[in-house]
């Protein structure tokens, strides 16, 4: 794949030399992820590193262009046009609620059994039961309200988010519930 980047270097606009080493590193990691053995893994588990590397590479260019403003518009458009980065995913990141979307596959309603998005789009605090990664992408959570970036299968889940909907409640929440229950009993005449 690095040869593909070298081919692009011949017609690349100014600024290519600054991003080329990192893009080459992402391409080498992608090649390793594709060639990695899938023995002992579930069907979709072998594609999880590919989704993550794809996200990281696109996020790297997104940050350089939109946040740090270190690359030119011409270079950014060149990278999108030549499909070095995912232009559709970057376009989603600019929309509210999709700032940290892990993959377009996560919001593709046609790829799920019930015609919904994947579980990683549900905020951790609204989930009940065991929190695990999306079967499709390996993302635990890419909801904008959770951490500020996708939480991947091999990342540590922040402790304050780990418990989900069944987590321990604070003393303030318990006192509030006790007050509501007391009022409800009074209204019922108990």
Protein backbone atom coordinates (compact mmCIF):
# COMPACT_ATOMS: atom_id res chain seq x y z
CA UNK A 1 0.00 0.00 0.00
CA UNK A 2 2.95 2.30 0.62
CA UNK A 3 3.65 2.08 -3.11
CA UNK A 4 0.19 3.59 -3.63
CA UNK A 5 1.20 6.52 -1.40
CA UNK A 6 4.46 6.87 -3.32
CA UNK A 7 2.46 6.97 -6.57
CA UNK A 8 0.30 9.75 -5.12
CA UNK A 9 3.38 11.71 -4.01
CA UNK A 10 4.18 12.53 -7.63
CA UNK A 11 1.03 14.61 -8.06
CA UNK A 12 0.43 15.67 -4.44
CA UNK A 13 0.11 19.35 -3.52
CA UNK A 14 2.36 21.21 -1.09
CA UNK A 15 2.34 19.87 2.44
CA UNK A 16 2.42 16.23 1.38
CA UNK A 17 5.90 15.77 2.86
CA UNK A 18 4.60 16.64 6.35
CA UNK A 19 1.74 14.10 6.32
CA UNK A 20 3.39 11.33 4.29
CA UNK A 21 5.33 9.65 7.15
CA UNK A 22 2.22 9.32 9.31
CA UNK A 23 0.06 8.15 6.42
CA UNK A 24 2.70 5.55 5.59
CA UNK A 25 2.68 4.41 9.24
CA UNK A 26 -1.14 4.04 9.11
CA UNK A 27 -0.89 2.08 5.86
CA UNK A 28 1.71 -0.27 7.35
CA UNK A 29 -0.46 -0.82 10.43
CA UNK A 30 -3.43 -1.51 8.14
CA UNK A 31 -1.42 -4.05 6.16
CA UNK A 32 -0.41 -5.80 9.40
CA UNK A 33 -4.04 -5.81 10.62
CA UNK A 34 -5.27 -7.32 7.34
CA UNK A 35 -2.56 -9.99 7.37
CA UNK A 36 -3.02 -10.82 11.07
CA UNK A 37 -4.23 -14.33 11.80
CA UNK A 38 -7.93 -14.65 12.57
CA UNK A 39 -7.58 -18.00 14.32
CA UNK A 40 -9.49 -18.10 17.60
CA UNK A 41 -11.41 -14.92 16.86
CA UNK A 42 -15.09 -14.47 16.24
CA UNK A 43 -16.26 -13.70 12.70
CA UNK A 44 -16.27 -9.90 12.97
CA UNK A 45 -13.45 -9.59 15.50
CA UNK A 46 -10.76 -9.75 12.83
CA UNK A 47 -12.10 -6.52 11.25
CA UNK A 48 -12.08 -4.50 14.48
CA UNK A 49 -8.45 -3.30 14.12
CA UNK A 50 -9.20 -2.28 10.53
CA UNK A 51 -12.10 -0.07 11.65
CA UNK A 52 -9.92 1.51 14.33
CA UNK A 53 -6.95 2.24 12.05
CA UNK A 54 -9.30 3.65 9.41
CA UNK A 55 -10.81 5.95 12.07
CA UNK A 56 -7.38 7.03 13.36
CA UNK A 57 -6.08 7.87 9.88
CA UNK A 58 -9.15 9.89 8.94
CA UNK A 59 -9.18 11.60 12.36
CA UNK A 60 -5.50 12.53 11.95
CA UNK A 61 -6.21 14.40 8.70
CA UNK A 62 -9.46 15.88 10.11
CA UNK A 63 -7.57 17.30 13.10
CA UNK A 64 -4.79 18.68 10.91
CA UNK A 65 -7.25 20.46 8.63
CA UNK A 66 -10.18 21.52 10.81
CA UNK A 67 -8.67 21.89 14.28
CA UNK A 68 -4.97 22.72 13.92
CA UNK A 69 -5.27 24.22 10.42
CA UNK A 70 -1.83 22.84 9.53
CA UNK A 71 -2.62 21.55 6.04
CA UNK A 72 -4.04 23.38 3.07
CA UNK A 73 -7.53 22.94 1.65
CA UNK A 74 -5.92 21.74 -1.56
CA UNK A 75 -4.07 18.93 0.25
CA UNK A 76 -7.15 17.97 2.27
CA UNK A 77 -9.32 17.75 -0.87
CA UNK A 78 -6.58 15.79 -2.62
CA UNK A 79 -6.50 13.21 0.20
CA UNK A 80 -10.29 12.86 0.12
CA UNK A 81 -10.45 12.68 -3.69
CA UNK A 82 -7.72 10.02 -3.83
CA UNK A 83 -9.52 8.09 -1.04
CA UNK A 84 -6.55 8.19 1.30
CA UNK A 85 -9.02 9.26 4.02
CA UNK A 86 -12.78 8.71 4.31
CA UNK A 87 -14.50 11.92 3.19
CA UNK A 88 -17.99 10.68 4.10
CA UNK A 89 -16.92 9.84 7.66
CA UNK A 90 -15.23 13.23 8.04
CA UNK A 91 -18.40 14.91 6.77
CA UNK A 92 -20.39 13.12 9.50
CA UNK A 93 -17.95 14.34 12.16
CA UNK A 94 -18.92 17.92 11.32
CA UNK A 95 -22.58 17.24 12.25
CA UNK A 96 -23.83 17.57 15.85
CA UNK A 97 -24.10 14.23 17.62
CA UNK A 98 -21.67 12.52 15.24
CA UNK A 99 -18.45 14.26 16.32
CA UNK A 100 -16.77 11.00 17.35
CA UNK A 101 -18.53 8.46 15.13
CA UNK A 102 -16.35 5.33 14.89
CA UNK A 103 -17.45 4.15 11.45
CA UNK A 104 -20.19 4.71 8.90
CA UNK A 105 -21.05 1.05 9.43
CA UNK A 106 -22.23 1.99 12.95
CA UNK A 107 -25.06 4.14 11.59
CA UNK A 108 -25.95 1.95 8.62
CA UNK A 109 -29.41 0.76 9.63
CA UNK A 110 -29.43 -1.89 6.90
CA UNK A 111 -26.67 -3.91 8.54
CA UNK A 112 -28.52 -4.63 11.80
CA UNK A 113 -31.27 -7.13 12.52
CA UNK A 114 -33.80 -4.59 13.79
CA UNK A 115 -33.07 -1.69 11.45
CA UNK A 116 -31.31 0.41 14.09
CA UNK A 117 -27.79 1.70 14.64
CA UNK A 118 -25.17 -0.35 16.47
CA UNK A 119 -24.93 -0.44 20.28
CA UNK A 120 -21.88 1.84 20.33
CA UNK A 121 -24.12 4.79 19.44
CA UNK A 122 -26.08 4.37 22.70
CA UNK A 123 -24.54 6.40 25.58
CA UNK A 124 -23.03 4.18 28.27
CA UNK A 125 -25.14 5.73 31.02
CA UNK A 126 -28.32 4.63 29.19
CA UNK A 127 -27.27 0.99 28.82
CA UNK A 128 -28.11 -1.76 31.22
CA UNK A 129 -26.28 -5.01 31.78
CA UNK A 130 -22.76 -5.82 30.67
CA UNK A 131 -21.12 -3.22 28.48
CA UNK A 132 -19.37 -4.70 25.48
CA UNK A 133 -18.17 -3.65 22.04
CA UNK A 134 -20.25 -3.42 18.91
CA UNK A 135 -20.01 -6.73 17.08
CA UNK A 136 -19.51 -4.93 13.77
CA UNK A 137 -16.87 -2.30 14.60
CA UNK A 138 -15.36 -3.22 17.97
CA UNK A 139 -16.33 0.18 19.36
CA UNK A 140 -17.76 0.23 22.88
CA UNK A 141 -19.03 3.79 22.65
CA UNK A 142 -18.75 6.58 20.11
CA UNK A 143 -21.71 8.59 21.44
CA UNK A 144 -20.69 12.25 21.62
CA UNK A 145 -21.65 12.54 25.29
CA UNK A 146 -19.44 9.74 26.62
CA UNK A 147 -15.72 10.41 26.43
CA UNK A 148 -14.86 12.67 23.54
CA UNK A 149 -13.53 9.90 21.29
CA UNK A 150 -14.54 6.32 20.58
CA UNK A 151 -13.88 3.81 23.35
CA UNK A 152 -12.51 0.75 21.53
CA UNK A 153 -12.57 -2.91 22.57
CA UNK A 154 -8.97 -2.76 23.78
CA UNK A 155 -9.35 0.56 25.65
CA UNK A 156 -10.07 0.98 29.34
CA UNK A 157 -13.65 2.12 29.96
CA UNK A 158 -13.66 5.16 32.29
CA UNK A 159 -14.80 4.11 35.78
CA UNK A 160 -17.55 6.72 35.98
CA UNK A 161 -19.11 5.27 32.80
CA UNK A 162 -18.40 1.61 33.46
CA UNK A 163 -21.52 0.74 35.42
CA UNK A 164 -24.10 1.75 32.84
CA UNK A 165 -27.73 2.21 33.88
CA UNK A 166 -27.38 -0.28 36.72
CA UNK A 167 -24.45 1.55 38.35
CA UNK A 168 -24.23 2.62 41.97
CA UNK A 169 -26.30 5.66 42.70
CA UNK A 170 -25.05 8.70 44.59
CA UNK A 171 -26.41 9.58 48.02
CA UNK A 172 -28.06 12.66 46.50
CA UNK A 173 -29.94 10.53 43.95
CA UNK A 174 -31.03 8.13 46.71
CA UNK A 175 -32.31 11.01 48.87
CA UNK A 176 -34.21 12.44 45.90
CA UNK A 177 -35.84 9.07 45.24
CA UNK A 178 -36.78 8.73 48.92
CA UNK A 179 -38.42 12.16 48.78
CA UNK A 180 -40.37 11.25 45.63
CA UNK A 181 -41.49 7.97 47.20
CA UNK A 182 -42.61 9.81 50.37
CA UNK A 183 -44.69 12.23 48.28
CA UNK A 184 -46.21 9.39 46.26
CA UNK A 185 -47.27 7.59 49.47
CA UNK A 186 -48.86 10.79 50.76
CA UNK A 187 -50.83 11.19 47.52
CA UNK A 188 -52.01 7.56 47.70
CA UNK A 189 -53.10 8.09 51.30
CA UNK A 190 -50.76 5.52 52.78
